[in-house]
Structure formats: C-alpha cells, structure tokens
Amino acid sequence: MIAKSSKQLKVTLVKSLAGRIQKHVDCVHGLGLRKICQTVTVSDTPCNRGMVNKASYLLNVEEV
C-alpha cells in the first residue's frame, strides 16, 4: 500500500473579525479560527483553499 502524502496549511488569524463582511467571518470560522493569533492546521483541499482565498487579508498562511 502506498502512503499518500497530503499537504497541510498552517493558517493564523492576524486581524480582527469585527466589522467584516459576514461571508468572510463565516469562512474564517469554518477554518476553525476564533481569536487573533490562533493557529490551526488544515488539509490543503479546494474547499479550504477557497475559504483561505476569500478571507486572505485576515490570515497568514504557510504550507507545511
């Protein structure tokens, strides 16, 4: 059996969600982020990439 290497994204919330567009807030919450400076690791899927791209001005993203 061949192990499939899945890429991961390390996502950090760097700006406040106060006063932002609700769809962008929903995308950030969908990634699992609630507080500023909180970091989560999510899989690199088209769905997660779309959420990251929509709210990219609020996030810091690294490929792991």
C-alpha atoms as a PDB file:
ATOM      1  CA  MET A   1       0.000   0.000   0.000  1.00  0.00           C
ATOM      2  CA  ILE A   2       1.389   3.388  -0.998  1.00  0.00           C
ATOM      3  CA  ALA A   3       1.077   6.165   1.568  1.00  0.00           C
ATOM      4  CA  LYS A   4      -0.435   9.287   0.084  1.00  0.00           C
ATOM      5  CA  SER A   5       1.260  12.444   1.338  1.00  0.00           C
ATOM      6  CA  SER A   6      -1.355  15.079   1.988  1.00  0.00           C
ATOM      7  CA  LYS A   7      -0.303  18.684   2.138  1.00  0.00           C
ATOM      8  CA  GLN A   8      -1.268  20.807   5.101  1.00  0.00           C
ATOM      9  CA  LEU A   9      -1.811  24.534   5.511  1.00  0.00           C
ATOM     10  CA  LYS A  10      -0.893  26.360   8.706  1.00  0.00           C
ATOM     11  CA  VAL A  11      -3.390  29.224   8.991  1.00  0.00           C
ATOM     12  CA  THR A  12      -3.150  32.069  11.542  1.00  0.00           C
ATOM     13  CA  LEU A  13      -5.733  34.783  12.150  1.00  0.00           C
ATOM     14  CA  VAL A  14      -3.830  38.095  12.214  1.00  0.00           C
ATOM     15  CA  LYS A  15      -6.613  40.703  12.021  1.00  0.00           C
ATOM     16  CA  SER A  16      -9.857  41.224  13.909  1.00  0.00           C
ATOM     17  CA  LEU A  17     -13.174  39.968  12.558  1.00  0.00           C
ATOM     18  CA  ALA A  18     -15.065  42.984  13.918  1.00  0.00           C
ATOM     19  CA  GLY A  19     -16.905  44.883  11.185  1.00  0.00           C
ATOM     20  CA  ARG A  20     -16.021  42.404   8.418  1.00  0.00           C
ATOM     21  CA  ILE A  21     -18.326  41.001   5.754  1.00  0.00           C
ATOM     22  CA  GLN A  22     -20.337  38.119   7.229  1.00  0.00           C
ATOM     23  CA  LYS A  23     -19.293  35.669   4.489  1.00  0.00           C
ATOM     24  CA  HIS A  24     -15.630  36.330   5.298  1.00  0.00           C
ATOM     25  CA  VAL A  25     -16.272  35.830   9.029  1.00  0.00           C
ATOM     26  CA  ASP A  26     -18.054  32.552   8.229  1.00  0.00           C
ATOM     27  CA  CYS A  27     -15.077  31.359   6.157  1.00  0.00           C
ATOM     28  CA  VAL A  28     -12.652  32.122   8.990  1.00  0.00           C
ATOM     29  CA  HIS A  29     -14.891  30.296  11.475  1.00  0.00           C
ATOM     30  CA  GLY A  30     -15.159  27.400   9.012  1.00  0.00           C
ATOM     31  CA  LEU A  31     -11.388  27.059   9.147  1.00  0.00           C
ATOM     32  CA  GLY A  32     -11.634  26.734  12.938  1.00  0.00           C
ATOM     33  CA  LEU A  33     -10.294  30.160  13.878  1.00  0.00           C
ATOM     34  CA  ARG A  34     -11.940  32.208  16.624  1.00  0.00           C
ATOM     35  CA  LYS A  35      -9.316  34.514  18.193  1.00  0.00           C
ATOM     36  CA  ILE A  36      -6.499  36.699  16.887  1.00  0.00           C
ATOM     37  CA  CYS A  37      -3.113  34.903  16.816  1.00  0.00           C
ATOM     38  CA  GLN A  38      -4.829  31.500  16.904  1.00  0.00           C
ATOM     39  CA  THR A  39      -3.227  28.986  14.543  1.00  0.00           C
ATOM     40  CA  VAL A  40      -4.766  25.846  13.047  1.00  0.00           C
ATOM     41  CA  THR A  41      -3.510  23.240  10.606  1.00  0.00           C
ATOM     42  CA  VAL A  42      -5.964  22.240   7.886  1.00  0.00           C
ATOM     43  CA  SER A  43      -5.648  19.942   4.898  1.00  0.00           C
ATOM     44  CA  ASP A  44      -4.925  21.538   1.534  1.00  0.00           C
ATOM     45  CA  THR A  45      -8.232  20.874  -0.225  1.00  0.00           C
ATOM     46  CA  PRO A  46     -10.025  23.028  -2.808  1.00  0.00           C
ATOM     47  CA  CYS A  47     -12.705  23.835  -0.201  1.00  0.00           C
ATOM     48  CA  ASN A  48     -10.180  25.052   2.378  1.00  0.00           C
ATOM     49  CA  ARG A  49      -8.220  26.927  -0.304  1.00  0.00           C
ATOM     50  CA  GLY A  50     -11.383  28.760  -1.310  1.00  0.00           C
ATOM     51  CA  MET A  51     -12.062  29.842   2.275  1.00  0.00           C
ATOM     52  CA  VAL A  52      -8.455  30.979   2.680  1.00  0.00           C
ATOM     53  CA  ASN A  53      -8.578  32.943  -0.596  1.00  0.00           C
ATOM     54  CA  LYS A  54     -11.842  34.671   0.314  1.00  0.00           C
ATOM     55  CA  ALA A  55     -10.525  35.963   3.668  1.00  0.00           C
ATOM     56  CA  SER A  56      -6.817  36.143   2.770  1.00  0.00           C
ATOM     57  CA  TYR A  57      -6.490  39.738   4.007  1.00  0.00           C
ATOM     58  CA  LEU A  58      -7.247  38.490   7.552  1.00  0.00           C
ATOM     59  CA  LEU A  59      -4.944  35.463   7.511  1.00  0.00           C
ATOM     60  CA  ASN A  60      -1.322  34.413   7.402  1.00  0.00           C
ATOM     61  CA  VAL A  61      -0.896  31.101   5.530  1.00  0.00           C
ATOM     62  CA  GLU A  62       2.085  28.713   5.359  1.00  0.00           C
ATOM     63  CA  GLU A  63       2.362  25.400   3.553  1.00  0.00           C
ATOM     64  CA  VAL A  64       3.532  22.627   5.848  1.00  0.00           C
END
